[in-house]
PDB file of N, CA and C in Angstrom:
ATOM      1  N   MET A   1     -21.408  -4.365  13.203  1.00  0.00           N
ATOM      2  CA  MET A   1     -22.018  -3.698  12.178  1.00  0.00           C
ATOM      3  C   MET A   1     -21.154  -4.307  10.867  1.00  0.00           C
ATOM      4  N   ASN A   2     -21.658  -4.641   9.530  1.00  0.00           N
ATOM      5  CA  ASN A   2     -21.244  -5.412   8.644  1.00  0.00           C
ATOM      6  C   ASN A   2     -20.629  -3.743   7.840  1.00  0.00           C
ATOM      7  N   SER A   3     -19.376  -4.301   6.956  1.00  0.00           N
ATOM      8  CA  SER A   3     -19.146  -3.226   6.228  1.00  0.00           C
ATOM      9  C   SER A   3     -19.905  -2.612   5.247  1.00  0.00           C
ATOM     10  N   GLU A   4     -20.828  -3.311   4.657  1.00  0.00           N
ATOM     11  CA  GLU A   4     -22.015  -2.004   3.884  1.00  0.00           C
ATOM     12  C   GLU A   4     -23.048  -1.488   4.434  1.00  0.00           C
ATOM     13  N   ALA A   5     -23.192  -1.808   5.671  1.00  0.00           N
ATOM     14  CA  ALA A   5     -23.786  -0.968   6.904  1.00  0.00           C
ATOM     15  C   ALA A   5     -22.829   0.306   7.288  1.00  0.00           C
ATOM     16  N   ARG A   6     -21.700   0.092   7.352  1.00  0.00           N
ATOM     17  CA  ARG A   6     -20.420   1.328   7.623  1.00  0.00           C
ATOM     18  C   ARG A   6     -20.383   2.202   6.511  1.00  0.00           C
ATOM     19  N   LYS A   7     -20.365   1.479   5.080  1.00  0.00           N
ATOM     20  CA  LYS A   7     -20.230   2.372   3.934  1.00  0.00           C
ATOM     21  C   LYS A   7     -21.515   3.297   3.993  1.00  0.00           C
ATOM     22  N   ILE A   8     -22.969   2.984   4.263  1.00  0.00           N
ATOM     23  CA  ILE A   8     -23.706   3.684   4.501  1.00  0.00           C
ATOM     24  C   ILE A   8     -23.678   4.361   5.153  1.00  0.00           C
ATOM     25  N   LEU A   9     -23.422   4.521   6.282  1.00  0.00           N
ATOM     26  CA  LEU A   9     -23.297   5.701   7.445  1.00  0.00           C
ATOM     27  C   LEU A   9     -22.535   6.337   7.100  1.00  0.00           C
ATOM     28  N   LEU A  10     -21.173   6.122   6.279  1.00  0.00           N
ATOM     29  CA  LEU A  10     -19.975   6.997   6.138  1.00  0.00           C
ATOM     30  C   LEU A  10     -20.536   7.891   4.718  1.00  0.00           C
ATOM     31  N   ILE A  11     -21.365   7.525   4.001  1.00  0.00           N
ATOM     32  CA  ILE A  11     -21.669   8.287   2.757  1.00  0.00           C
ATOM     33  C   ILE A  11     -22.899   9.472   3.369  1.00  0.00           C
ATOM     34  N   GLU A  12     -23.534   8.750   4.236  1.00  0.00           N
ATOM     35  CA  GLU A  12     -24.503  10.082   4.960  1.00  0.00           C
ATOM     36  C   GLU A  12     -23.776  11.089   5.579  1.00  0.00           C
ATOM     37  N   LYS A  13     -22.747  10.768   6.553  1.00  0.00           N
ATOM     38  CA  LYS A  13     -21.680  11.487   7.173  1.00  0.00           C
ATOM     39  C   LYS A  13     -20.921  12.640   5.897  1.00  0.00           C
ATOM     40  N   VAL A  14     -20.820  11.971   4.879  1.00  0.00           N
ATOM     41  CA  VAL A  14     -20.245  12.958   3.823  1.00  0.00           C
ATOM     42  C   VAL A  14     -21.184  13.892   3.231  1.00  0.00           C
ATOM     43  N   LEU A  15     -22.093  13.159   3.006  1.00  0.00           N
ATOM     44  CA  LEU A  15     -23.291  14.096   2.061  1.00  0.00           C
ATOM     45  C   LEU A  15     -23.729  15.442   3.189  1.00  0.00           C
ATOM     46  N   LYS A  16     -23.343  15.013   4.851  1.00  0.00           N
ATOM     47  CA  LYS A  16     -23.789  16.581   5.061  1.00  0.00           C
ATOM     48  C   LYS A  16     -22.402  17.377   5.967  1.00  0.00           C
ATOM     49  N   ILE A  17     -21.356  17.359   4.876  1.00  0.00           N
ATOM     50  CA  ILE A  17     -20.212  18.134   5.399  1.00  0.00           C
ATOM     51  C   ILE A  17     -20.374  19.179   4.280  1.00  0.00           C
ATOM     52  N   LYS A  18     -20.429  20.313   4.998  1.00  0.00           N
ATOM     53  CA  LYS A  18     -20.407  21.510   4.140  1.00  0.00           C
ATOM     54  C   LYS A  18     -18.984  22.277   4.180  1.00  0.00           C
ATOM     55  N   SER A  19     -17.489  21.514   4.285  1.00  0.00           N
ATOM     56  CA  SER A  19     -16.327  22.103   4.216  1.00  0.00           C
ATOM     57  C   SER A  19     -15.624  21.437   2.950  1.00  0.00           C
ATOM     58  N   ASP A  20     -15.401  22.589   2.502  1.00  0.00           N
ATOM     59  CA  ASP A  20     -14.658  22.069   0.819  1.00  0.00           C
ATOM     60  C   ASP A  20     -13.623  21.472   1.645  1.00  0.00           C
ATOM     61  N   ALA A  21     -12.878  21.888   2.253  1.00  0.00           N
ATOM     62  CA  ALA A  21     -11.416  21.565   3.413  1.00  0.00           C
ATOM     63  C   ALA A  21     -11.140  20.164   3.390  1.00  0.00           C
ATOM     64  N   ILE A  22     -12.550  19.552   4.154  1.00  0.00           N
ATOM     65  CA  ILE A  22     -12.708  18.348   4.838  1.00  0.00           C
ATOM     66  C   ILE A  22     -13.096  17.709   3.374  1.00  0.00           C
ATOM     67  N   LEU A  23     -13.704  18.069   2.519  1.00  0.00           N
ATOM     68  CA  LEU A  23     -14.152  16.874   1.064  1.00  0.00           C
ATOM     69  C   LEU A  23     -12.630  16.868   0.635  1.00  0.00           C
ATOM     70  N   VAL A  24     -11.763  17.847   0.148  1.00  0.00           N
ATOM     71  CA  VAL A  24     -10.482  17.617  -0.170  1.00  0.00           C
ATOM     72  C   VAL A  24      -9.711  16.614   0.491  1.00  0.00           C
ATOM     73  N   GLU A  25      -9.671  16.961   1.924  1.00  0.00           N
ATOM     74  CA  GLU A  25      -8.900  15.705   2.434  1.00  0.00           C
ATOM     75  C   GLU A  25      -9.492  14.420   2.488  1.00  0.00           C
ATOM     76  N   ILE A  26     -10.827  14.397   2.360  1.00  0.00           N
ATOM     77  CA  ILE A  26     -11.369  12.565   2.162  1.00  0.00           C
ATOM     78  C   ILE A  26     -11.085  12.356   0.522  1.00  0.00           C
ATOM     79  N   GLU A  27     -11.144  13.325  -0.456  1.00  0.00           N
ATOM     80  CA  GLU A  27     -10.782  12.557  -1.586  1.00  0.00           C
ATOM     81  C   GLU A  27      -9.187  12.626  -1.675  1.00  0.00           C
ATOM     82  N   THR A  28      -8.373  13.483  -1.414  1.00  0.00           N
ATOM     83  CA  THR A  28      -7.247  12.810  -1.108  1.00  0.00           C
ATOM     84  C   THR A  28      -6.670  11.500  -0.818  1.00  0.00           C
ATOM     85  N   ILE A  29      -7.498  10.996   0.548  1.00  0.00           N
ATOM     86  CA  ILE A  29      -7.390   9.793   1.210  1.00  0.00           C
ATOM     87  C   ILE A  29      -7.485   8.602   0.332  1.00  0.00           C
ATOM     88  N   LEU A  30      -8.964   8.737  -0.466  1.00  0.00           N
ATOM     89  CA  LEU A  30      -9.566   7.671  -1.150  1.00  0.00           C
ATOM     90  C   LEU A  30      -8.517   7.759  -2.398  1.00  0.00           C
ATOM     91  N   ASN A  31      -8.006   8.684  -2.814  1.00  0.00           N
ATOM     92  CA  ASN A  31      -7.483   8.601  -3.939  1.00  0.00           C
ATOM     93  C   ASN A  31      -5.794   8.046  -3.967  1.00  0.00           C
ATOM     94  N   SER A  32      -5.335   8.505  -2.524  1.00  0.00           N
ATOM     95  CA  SER A  32      -4.447   8.029  -2.491  1.00  0.00           C
ATOM     96  C   SER A  32      -4.759   6.327  -2.222  1.00  0.00           C
ATOM     97  N   HIS A  33      -5.346   5.979  -1.642  1.00  0.00           N
ATOM     98  CA  HIS A  33      -5.734   4.467  -1.401  1.00  0.00           C
ATOM     99  C   HIS A  33      -5.705   3.878  -2.984  1.00  0.00           C
ATOM    100  N   ARG A  34      -6.649   4.402  -3.533  1.00  0.00           N
ATOM    101  CA  ARG A  34      -6.866   4.083  -5.073  1.00  0.00           C
ATOM    102  C   ARG A  34      -5.716   3.424  -5.561  1.00  0.00           C
ATOM    103  N   ASN A  35      -4.879   4.685  -5.773  1.00  0.00           N
ATOM    104  CA  ASN A  35      -3.092   4.864  -6.418  1.00  0.00           C
ATOM    105  C   ASN A  35      -2.699   3.372  -5.723  1.00  0.00           C
ATOM    106  N   SER A  36      -2.615   3.400  -4.721  1.00  0.00           N
ATOM    107  CA  SER A  36      -1.730   2.440  -3.812  1.00  0.00           C
ATOM    108  C   SER A  36      -2.320   0.922  -4.009  1.00  0.00           C
ATOM    109  N   ALA A  37      -3.472   0.920  -3.959  1.00  0.00           N
ATOM    110  CA  ALA A  37      -4.108  -0.490  -4.448  1.00  0.00           C
ATOM    111  C   ALA A  37      -3.871  -1.103  -5.611  1.00  0.00           C
ATOM    112  N   LYS A  38      -3.424   0.019  -6.681  1.00  0.00           N
ATOM    113  CA  LYS A  38      -3.478  -0.293  -7.964  1.00  0.00           C
ATOM    114  C   LYS A  38      -2.076  -0.815  -8.509  1.00  0.00           C
ATOM    115  N   LYS A  39      -1.121  -0.367  -7.867  1.00  0.00           N
ATOM    116  CA  LYS A  39       0.364  -0.715  -7.778  1.00  0.00           C
ATOM    117  C   LYS A  39       0.818  -2.207  -7.871  1.00  0.00           C
ATOM    118  N   GLU A  40       1.096  -2.502  -8.853  1.00  0.00           N
ATOM    119  CA  GLU A  40       1.655  -4.137  -8.594  1.00  0.00           C
ATOM    120  C   GLU A  40       2.889  -4.051  -8.337  1.00  0.00           C
ATOM    121  N   SER A  41       3.811  -4.730  -7.649  1.00  0.00           N
ATOM    122  CA  SER A  41       5.012  -4.869  -7.252  1.00  0.00           C
ATOM    123  C   SER A  41       5.803  -5.293  -8.672  1.00  0.00           C
ATOM    124  N   SER A  42       6.776  -4.949  -8.612  1.00  0.00           N
ATOM    125  CA  SER A  42       7.694  -5.392  -9.521  1.00  0.00           C
ATOM    126  C   SER A  42       9.361  -5.755  -9.496  1.00  0.00           C
ATOM    127  N   ILE A  43       9.648  -6.504 -10.000  1.00  0.00           N
ATOM    128  CA  ILE A  43      11.204  -7.382  -9.634  1.00  0.00           C
ATOM    129  C   ILE A  43      11.973  -6.030  -9.360  1.00  0.00           C
ATOM    130  N   TYR A  44      11.700  -4.756  -9.885  1.00  0.00           N
ATOM    131  CA  TYR A  44      12.932  -3.458  -9.788  1.00  0.00           C
ATOM    132  C   TYR A  44      12.535  -2.905  -8.436  1.00  0.00           C
ATOM    133  N   ASP A  45      11.177  -3.194  -8.073  1.00  0.00           N
ATOM    134  CA  ASP A  45      11.224  -2.636  -6.733  1.00  0.00           C
ATOM    135  C   ASP A  45      11.851  -2.949  -5.336  1.00  0.00           C
ATOM    136  N   PHE A  46      12.814  -4.258  -5.676  1.00  0.00           N
ATOM    137  CA  PHE A  46      13.561  -4.565  -4.644  1.00  0.00           C
ATOM    138  C   PHE A  46      15.343  -4.611  -5.256  1.00  0.00           C
ATOM    139  N   VAL A  47      15.510  -3.920  -6.467  1.00  0.00           N
ATOM    140  CA  VAL A  47      16.586  -3.705  -6.481  1.00  0.00           C
ATOM    141  C   VAL A  47      17.279  -2.473  -5.510  1.00  0.00           C
ATOM    142  N   GLY A  48      18.546  -2.707  -5.124  1.00  0.00           N
ATOM    143  CA  GLY A  48      19.169  -2.057  -3.758  1.00  0.00           C
ATOM    144  C   GLY A  48      19.056  -2.206  -2.610  1.00  0.00           C
ATOM    145  N   ILE A  49      17.900  -3.300  -2.191  1.00  0.00           N
ATOM    146  CA  ILE A  49      17.600  -3.457  -1.182  1.00  0.00           C
ATOM    147  C   ILE A  49      18.900  -4.155   0.099  1.00  0.00           C
ATOM    148  N   ILE A  50      19.559  -4.941  -0.631  1.00  0.00           N
ATOM    149  CA  ILE A  50      20.449  -6.105  -0.038  1.00  0.00           C
ATOM    150  C   ILE A  50      21.994  -5.597  -1.020  1.00  0.00           C
ATOM    151  N   LEU A  51      23.279  -5.318  -0.210  1.00  0.00           N
ATOM    152  CA  LEU A  51      24.193  -5.059  -0.720  1.00  0.00           C
ATOM    153  C   LEU A  51      24.769  -5.854  -1.459  1.00  0.00           C
ATOM    154  N   GLU A  52      25.814  -5.644  -2.463  1.00  0.00           N
ATOM    155  CA  GLU A  52      26.303  -6.873  -3.186  1.00  0.00           C
ATOM    156  C   GLU A  52      26.988  -8.074  -2.381  1.00  0.00           C
ATOM    157  N   ASN A  53      27.976  -7.366  -1.051  1.00  0.00           N
ATOM    158  CA  ASN A  53      28.607  -8.422  -0.378  1.00  0.00           C
ATOM    159  C   ASN A  53      27.583  -9.411   0.514  1.00  0.00           C
ATOM    160  N   GLU A  54      26.506  -8.897   0.859  1.00  0.00           N
ATOM    161  CA  GLU A  54      25.341  -9.635   1.299  1.00  0.00           C
ATOM    162  C   GLU A  54      24.741 -10.550   0.347  1.00  0.00           C
ATOM    163  N   ALA A  55      24.476 -10.213  -0.768  1.00  0.00           N
ATOM    164  CA  ALA A  55      24.115 -11.025  -1.759  1.00  0.00           C
ATOM    165  C   ALA A  55      25.073 -12.293  -1.963  1.00  0.00           C
ATOM    166  N   ILE A  56      26.498 -12.124  -2.166  1.00  0.00           N
ATOM    167  CA  ILE A  56      27.788 -13.144  -2.387  1.00  0.00           C
ATOM    168  C   ILE A  56      27.475 -13.853  -1.071  1.00  0.00           C
ATOM    169  N   GLU A  57      27.129 -13.387  -0.315  1.00  0.00           N
ATOM    170  CA  GLU A  57      27.325 -13.842   1.339  1.00  0.00           C
ATOM    171  C   GLU A  57      25.896 -15.076   1.493  1.00  0.00           C
ATOM    172  N   MET A  58      24.835 -14.252   0.877  1.00  0.00           N
ATOM    173  CA  MET A  58      23.626 -15.027   0.666  1.00  0.00           C
ATOM    174  C   MET A  58      23.824 -16.403  -0.458  1.00  0.00           C
ATOM    175  N   LYS A  59      24.671 -16.346  -1.115  1.00  0.00           N
ATOM    176  CA  LYS A  59      24.676 -16.958  -2.308  1.00  0.00           C
ATOM    177  C   LYS A  59      25.423 -18.187  -1.816  1.00  0.00           C
ATOM    178  N   LYS A  60      26.471 -17.957  -1.036  1.00  0.00           N
ATOM    179  CA  LYS A  60      27.558 -18.911  -0.348  1.00  0.00           C
ATOM    180  C   LYS A  60      26.688 -20.024   0.420  1.00  0.00           C
ATOM    181  N   ALA A  61      25.572 -19.529   1.245  1.00  0.00           N
ATOM    182  CA  ALA A  61      25.123 -19.987   1.949  1.00  0.00           C
ATOM    183  C   ALA A  61      24.017 -20.772   1.529  1.00  0.00           C
ATOM    184  N   ILE A  62      23.216 -20.219   0.237  1.00  0.00           N
ATOM    185  CA  ILE A  62      22.891 -21.534  -0.228  1.00  0.00           C
ATOM    186  C   ILE A  62      23.459 -22.521  -0.786  1.00  0.00           C
ATOM    187  N   ALA A  63      24.499 -22.000  -1.688  1.00  0.00           N
ATOM    188  CA  ALA A  63      25.302 -23.219  -2.205  1.00  0.00           C
ATOM    189  C   ALA A  63      26.221 -24.192  -1.429  1.00  0.00           C
ATOM    190  N   GLU A  64      26.388 -23.392   0.156  1.00  0.00           N
ATOM    191  CA  GLU A  64      26.749 -24.859   0.903  1.00  0.00           C
ATOM    192  C   GLU A  64      25.525 -25.786   1.609  1.00  0.00           C
ATOM    193  N   THR A  65      24.572 -25.228   1.862  1.00  0.00           N
ATOM    194  CA  THR A  65      23.005 -25.570   2.702  1.00  0.00           C
ATOM    195  C   THR A  65      22.411 -26.743   1.600  1.00  0.00           C
ATOM    196  N   CYS A  66      22.481 -26.053   0.574  1.00  0.00           N
ATOM    197  CA  CYS A  66      21.540 -26.872  -0.867  1.00  0.00           C
ATOM    198  C   CYS A  66      22.134 -27.953  -1.411  1.00  0.00           C
ATOM    199  N   ASP A  67      21.413 -29.028  -1.663  1.00  0.00           N
ATOM    200  CA  ASP A  67      21.978 -29.872  -2.517  1.00  0.00           C
ATOM    201  C   ASP A  67      21.585 -29.855  -3.982  1.00  0.00           C
TER     202      ASP A  67
END
Protein backbone atom coordinates (compact mmCIF):
# COMPACT_ATOMS: atom_id res chain seq x y z
CA MET A 1 0.00 0.00 0.00
CA ASN A 2 1.44 3.36 -0.96
CA SER A 3 1.80 6.22 1.49
CA GLU A 4 -1.12 8.23 0.06
CA ALA A 5 -3.52 5.31 0.63
CA ARG A 6 -2.13 4.84 4.14
CA LYS A 7 -2.75 8.52 4.88
CA ILE A 8 -6.38 8.25 3.74
CA LEU A 9 -6.93 5.16 5.90
CA LEU A 10 -5.40 6.93 8.87
CA ILE A 11 -7.61 9.98 8.35
CA GLU A 12 -10.67 7.72 8.17
CA LYS A 13 -9.67 6.11 11.47
CA VAL A 14 -9.08 9.51 13.11
CA LEU A 15 -12.54 10.70 12.00
CA LYS A 16 -14.10 7.76 13.89
CA ILE A 17 -12.34 8.55 17.19
CA LYS A 18 -14.73 9.64 19.92
CA SER A 19 -12.25 10.01 22.78
CA ASP A 20 -10.76 13.46 23.37
CA ALA A 21 -7.85 11.84 25.22
CA ILE A 22 -6.86 9.85 22.14
CA LEU A 23 -7.15 12.94 19.95
CA VAL A 24 -4.87 14.82 22.35
CA GLU A 25 -2.32 11.99 22.10
CA ILE A 26 -2.44 12.07 18.30
CA GLU A 27 -2.04 15.87 18.30
CA THR A 28 0.92 15.58 20.65
CA ILE A 29 2.63 13.04 18.41
CA LEU A 30 2.03 15.11 15.28
CA ASN A 31 3.17 18.33 16.92
CA SER A 32 6.34 16.77 18.32
CA HIS A 33 7.19 15.35 14.91
CA ARG A 34 6.57 18.71 13.25
CA ASN A 35 8.74 20.52 15.81
CA SER A 36 11.60 18.05 15.50
CA ALA A 37 11.48 18.11 11.71
CA LYS A 38 11.83 21.91 11.66
CA LYS A 39 14.86 22.07 13.94
CA GLU A 40 18.06 22.59 12.01
CA SER A 41 21.37 21.52 13.46
CA SER A 42 23.72 24.18 14.64
CA ILE A 43 27.40 24.02 15.46
CA TYR A 44 26.38 24.87 19.02
CA ASP A 45 24.49 21.55 19.26
CA PHE A 46 27.89 19.85 19.36
CA VAL A 47 29.51 21.98 22.07
CA GLY A 48 30.70 19.82 24.95
CA ILE A 49 30.44 16.49 23.14
CA ILE A 50 34.15 15.79 23.50
CA LEU A 51 36.47 16.72 26.30
CA GLU A 52 39.27 19.21 25.81
CA ASN A 53 41.99 16.56 26.19
CA GLU A 54 40.22 14.42 23.56
CA ALA A 55 40.19 17.37 21.18
CA ILE A 56 43.92 17.92 21.75
CA GLU A 57 44.63 14.25 21.00
CA MET A 58 42.52 14.43 17.85
CA LYS A 59 44.35 17.57 16.75
CA LYS A 60 47.73 15.85 17.30
CA ALA A 61 46.64 12.78 15.36
CA ILE A 62 45.48 14.91 12.47
CA ALA A 63 48.71 16.92 12.46
CA GLU A 64 50.82 13.74 12.51
CA THR A 65 48.95 11.90 9.75
CA CYS A 66 48.03 14.70 7.37
CA ASP A 67 50.46 16.58 5.16
